[in-house]
Amino acid sequence: MNPIERTIFSLDWMTMVLFISMLVFALGKYLNHSKFLNFVILPFNDKYVLLHKKKGQLFNWFHVLLTIFQAINLSFFIFLFLSTFDALPSGNPMTIFFLVLLFVVLFQIVKLALQFINGFVFNTQELISELVFNKTSYLNHSSIILFISNVILIYIFKDSKIIIYTTIILILLINGIGVVKLLKNYQKAMFPYFVYFILYLCALEIAPLVIIGSYLKV
């Protein structure tokens, strides 16, 4: 039997990062408790996005803090996913995590910029802003699941593929609900821009997933 080398991660920096993300989440709740109450029931009641979809809400402190919480926990989940499937690059684990976090943040910033450029070109800035806020809100909500999953994967069931698969299914379910409600709420608004909306989906939603999927396949 040949020995298999496996890197043992230090829990100190992981605990610190998770604690920081939890503080960010708690700060968001503290700054606007009423928004938070609507936010936590988002998959069951879309009152949060209907009440707060107006211009400027995308850069509201509550939304920004939850997006930071989402970016940290999404990066952590990707890191743990790669570790579980032995696809983590060699090097310092903490450095790799922060590189993943940097990639996630840059990806979201570039995507956001392209979405607003798309809105400016087709003169649909307000519609694009509301769509982005809607989608980001559901992604932010699913980061609660990511946080719980990260805690379980780090401290309870390490390298559990069942936890990872379950988390992915729940995230797809929450965001799928968001997409269905988005199409339902904006069907009249999107109808005059249907062709532009299809181009938007292909260029800014589907294409990045195809590129990332092709990279992981290689």
Protein backbone atom coordinates (compact mmCIF):
# COMPACT_ATOMS: atom_id res chain seq x y z
CA MET A 1 0.00 0.00 0.00
CA ASN A 2 1.53 3.29 -1.13
CA PRO A 3 1.21 6.25 1.24
CA ILE A 4 -0.84 9.17 -0.08
CA GLU A 5 0.32 12.64 0.84
CA ARG A 6 -2.51 14.89 1.99
CA THR A 7 -2.14 18.47 3.14
CA ILE A 8 -3.52 19.15 6.62
CA PHE A 9 -5.10 22.59 6.74
CA SER A 10 -4.74 24.83 9.75
CA LEU A 11 -8.15 25.74 11.17
CA ASP A 12 -6.94 29.04 12.65
CA TRP A 13 -7.17 31.16 9.50
CA MET A 14 -10.34 29.36 8.39
CA THR A 15 -12.02 30.14 11.69
CA MET A 16 -10.93 33.77 11.42
CA VAL A 17 -12.29 34.16 7.88
CA LEU A 18 -15.61 32.55 8.79
CA PHE A 19 -15.83 34.74 11.89
CA ILE A 20 -15.20 37.88 9.80
CA SER A 21 -17.91 36.85 7.33
CA MET A 22 -20.30 36.26 10.23
CA LEU A 23 -19.51 39.74 11.60
CA VAL A 24 -20.27 41.25 8.17
CA PHE A 25 -23.60 39.40 8.11
CA ALA A 26 -24.43 40.52 11.66
CA LEU A 27 -23.54 44.12 10.79
CA GLY A 28 -25.97 44.02 7.87
CA LYS A 29 -28.70 42.80 10.21
CA TYR A 30 -27.85 45.49 12.77
CA LEU A 31 -27.91 48.33 10.21
CA ASN A 32 -31.35 47.47 8.86
CA HIS A 33 -33.33 44.92 10.83
CA SER A 34 -36.55 45.36 8.81
CA LYS A 35 -34.77 44.64 5.52
CA PHE A 36 -33.09 41.64 7.11
CA LEU A 37 -36.43 40.12 8.17
CA ASN A 38 -37.71 40.39 4.58
CA PHE A 39 -34.41 39.08 3.25
CA VAL A 40 -34.33 35.82 5.25
CA ILE A 41 -37.71 34.70 3.84
CA LEU A 42 -36.82 35.68 0.26
CA PRO A 43 -37.30 32.26 -1.42
CA PHE A 44 -40.81 32.01 0.07
CA ASN A 45 -41.80 35.68 -0.21
CA ASP A 46 -40.23 38.11 -2.70
CA LYS A 47 -41.35 41.16 -0.73
CA TYR A 48 -37.68 42.10 -0.22
CA VAL A 49 -36.89 42.54 -3.94
CA LEU A 50 -40.25 44.13 -4.71
CA LEU A 51 -39.84 46.76 -1.98
CA HIS A 52 -36.15 47.50 -2.47
CA LYS A 53 -35.56 47.14 -6.22
CA LYS A 54 -35.52 50.90 -6.83
CA LYS A 55 -32.48 52.66 -8.25
CA GLY A 56 -29.59 52.84 -5.80
CA GLN A 57 -30.52 49.75 -3.77
CA LEU A 58 -27.78 47.77 -5.54
CA PHE A 59 -25.19 49.91 -3.74
CA ASN A 60 -27.08 50.21 -0.45
CA TRP A 61 -24.93 49.30 2.57
CA PHE A 62 -27.19 46.40 3.53
CA HIS A 63 -26.95 44.87 0.06
CA VAL A 64 -23.19 45.54 -0.18
CA LEU A 65 -22.49 43.85 3.18
CA LEU A 66 -24.52 40.78 2.19
CA THR A 67 -22.67 40.64 -1.13
CA ILE A 68 -19.35 40.67 0.74
CA PHE A 69 -20.68 37.85 2.95
CA GLN A 70 -21.65 35.98 -0.21
CA ALA A 71 -18.27 36.47 -1.91
CA ILE A 72 -16.34 35.20 1.14
CA ASN A 73 -18.48 32.09 1.60
CA LEU A 74 -18.71 31.31 -2.11
CA SER A 75 -14.90 31.49 -2.30
CA PHE A 76 -14.61 29.28 0.77
CA PHE A 77 -16.99 26.72 -0.73
CA ILE A 78 -15.04 26.66 -4.00
CA PHE A 79 -11.83 26.18 -1.99
CA LEU A 80 -13.34 23.29 0.00
CA PHE A 81 -14.84 21.82 -3.18
CA LEU A 82 -11.42 21.76 -4.84
CA SER A 83 -9.86 20.29 -1.70
CA THR A 84 -12.47 17.53 -1.41
CA PHE A 85 -11.99 16.46 -5.03
CA ASP A 86 -8.17 16.72 -4.80
CA ALA A 87 -8.11 19.52 -7.38
CA LEU A 88 -6.52 22.13 -5.14
CA PRO A 89 -3.29 23.60 -6.60
CA SER A 90 -0.11 23.05 -4.62
CA GLY A 91 0.93 25.85 -2.31
CA ASN A 92 -0.08 27.54 0.89
CA PRO A 93 -3.83 26.84 1.47
CA MET A 94 -4.50 30.33 2.84
CA THR A 95 -2.83 31.94 -0.18
CA ILE A 96 -4.87 29.75 -2.52
CA PHE A 97 -8.09 30.73 -0.73
CA PHE A 98 -7.35 34.44 -1.09
CA LEU A 99 -6.53 33.92 -4.77
CA VAL A 100 -9.92 32.23 -5.19
CA LEU A 101 -11.55 35.13 -3.32
CA LEU A 102 -9.76 37.62 -5.59
CA PHE A 103 -10.97 35.74 -8.67
CA VAL A 104 -14.58 35.64 -7.40
CA VAL A 105 -14.57 39.37 -6.56
CA LEU A 106 -12.98 40.39 -9.88
CA PHE A 107 -15.34 38.12 -11.81
CA GLN A 108 -18.38 39.68 -10.15
CA ILE A 109 -17.09 43.24 -10.63
CA VAL A 110 -16.32 42.68 -14.33
CA LYS A 111 -19.67 40.98 -14.85
CA LEU A 112 -21.48 43.83 -13.10
CA ALA A 113 -19.64 46.39 -15.24
CA LEU A 114 -20.54 44.51 -18.45
CA GLN A 115 -24.17 44.32 -17.37
CA PHE A 116 -24.36 48.07 -16.87
CA ILE A 117 -22.56 48.69 -20.17
CA ASN A 118 -25.14 46.44 -21.81
CA GLY A 119 -27.91 48.50 -20.18
CA PHE A 120 -26.33 51.76 -21.34
CA VAL A 121 -25.91 50.55 -24.94
CA PHE A 122 -29.54 49.40 -25.22
CA ASN A 123 -30.89 52.21 -22.99
CA THR A 124 -32.26 49.76 -20.42
CA GLN A 125 -30.25 50.91 -17.39
CA GLU A 126 -33.17 50.87 -14.98
CA LEU A 127 -34.34 47.41 -16.07
CA ILE A 128 -30.81 45.97 -15.90
CA SER A 129 -30.28 47.50 -12.46
CA GLU A 130 -33.45 45.87 -11.15
CA LEU A 131 -32.60 42.51 -12.74
CA VAL A 132 -29.09 42.56 -11.25
CA PHE A 133 -30.46 43.47 -7.82
CA ASN A 134 -32.98 40.65 -8.05
CA LYS A 135 -30.42 38.01 -9.06
CA THR A 136 -27.79 39.19 -6.58
CA SER A 137 -30.32 39.15 -3.74
CA TYR A 138 -31.11 35.47 -4.33
CA LEU A 139 -27.40 34.65 -4.64
CA ASN A 140 -26.76 36.52 -1.38
CA HIS A 141 -29.54 34.54 0.28
CA SER A 142 -28.03 31.25 -0.88
CA SER A 143 -24.77 32.30 0.80
CA ILE A 144 -26.46 31.49 4.13
CA ILE A 145 -26.54 27.88 2.93
CA LEU A 146 -22.91 28.22 1.85
CA PHE A 147 -21.91 29.48 5.30
CA ILE A 148 -23.61 26.54 7.05
CA SER A 149 -22.05 24.12 4.56
CA ASN A 150 -18.58 25.60 5.08
CA VAL A 151 -18.89 25.21 8.85
CA ILE A 152 -19.99 21.57 8.45
CA LEU A 153 -17.22 20.77 5.95
CA ILE A 154 -14.53 22.31 8.14
CA TYR A 155 -15.53 21.20 11.63
CA ILE A 156 -17.92 18.23 11.36
CA PHE A 157 -17.89 16.21 8.13
CA LYS A 158 -14.59 17.02 6.46
CA ASP A 159 -14.36 16.28 2.72
CA SER A 160 -17.99 15.15 2.62
CA LYS A 161 -19.12 14.94 -0.99
CA ILE A 162 -22.73 14.45 0.15
CA ILE A 163 -22.65 17.84 1.89
CA ILE A 164 -21.16 19.44 -1.23
CA TYR A 165 -23.75 17.91 -3.57
CA THR A 166 -26.59 18.83 -1.21
CA THR A 167 -25.32 22.42 -0.97
CA ILE A 168 -25.10 22.76 -4.75
CA ILE A 169 -28.67 21.42 -5.15
CA LEU A 170 -30.00 23.86 -2.54
CA ILE A 171 -28.18 26.80 -4.15
CA LEU A 172 -29.54 25.90 -7.58
CA LEU A 173 -33.02 25.54 -6.07
CA ILE A 174 -32.94 28.96 -4.35
CA ASN A 175 -31.57 30.74 -7.42
CA GLY A 176 -33.94 28.79 -9.67
CA ILE A 177 -36.86 30.13 -7.62
CA GLY A 178 -35.37 33.60 -8.09
CA VAL A 179 -35.20 33.19 -11.87
CA VAL A 180 -38.81 31.97 -12.07
CA LYS A 181 -40.09 34.87 -9.96
CA LEU A 182 -37.92 37.31 -11.92
CA LEU A 183 -39.44 36.19 -15.24
CA LYS A 184 -42.92 36.32 -13.72
CA ASN A 185 -42.49 39.83 -12.27
CA TYR A 186 -40.72 41.32 -15.30
CA GLN A 187 -42.40 39.56 -18.21
CA LYS A 188 -44.19 42.73 -19.33
CA ALA A 189 -41.14 44.94 -18.84
CA MET A 190 -38.85 42.56 -20.74
CA PHE A 191 -41.19 41.91 -23.67
CA PRO A 192 -40.23 45.07 -25.64
CA TYR A 193 -36.55 44.18 -25.13
CA PHE A 194 -36.88 40.44 -25.65
CA VAL A 195 -34.08 40.18 -28.23
CA TYR A 196 -31.76 42.28 -26.07
CA PHE A 197 -32.65 40.14 -23.06
CA ILE A 198 -31.72 36.94 -24.93
CA LEU A 199 -28.40 38.53 -25.93
CA TYR A 200 -27.90 39.57 -22.32
CA LEU A 201 -28.49 36.01 -21.08
CA CYS A 202 -26.15 34.48 -23.65
CA ALA A 203 -23.34 37.01 -23.26
CA LEU A 204 -23.37 37.66 -19.51
CA GLU A 205 -25.04 34.66 -17.88
CA ILE A 206 -24.48 31.54 -19.95
CA ALA A 207 -21.10 32.32 -21.57
CA PRO A 208 -19.14 32.69 -18.27
CA LEU A 209 -20.54 29.36 -17.02
CA VAL A 210 -19.56 27.64 -20.28
CA ILE A 211 -16.02 29.06 -20.07
CA ILE A 212 -15.59 28.02 -16.41
CA GLY A 213 -17.06 24.56 -17.15
CA SER A 214 -14.66 24.09 -20.06
CA TYR A 215 -11.73 25.09 -17.85
CA LEU A 216 -12.68 22.62 -15.11
CA LYS A 217 -13.14 19.90 -17.71
CA VAL A 218 -9.56 20.41 -18.88
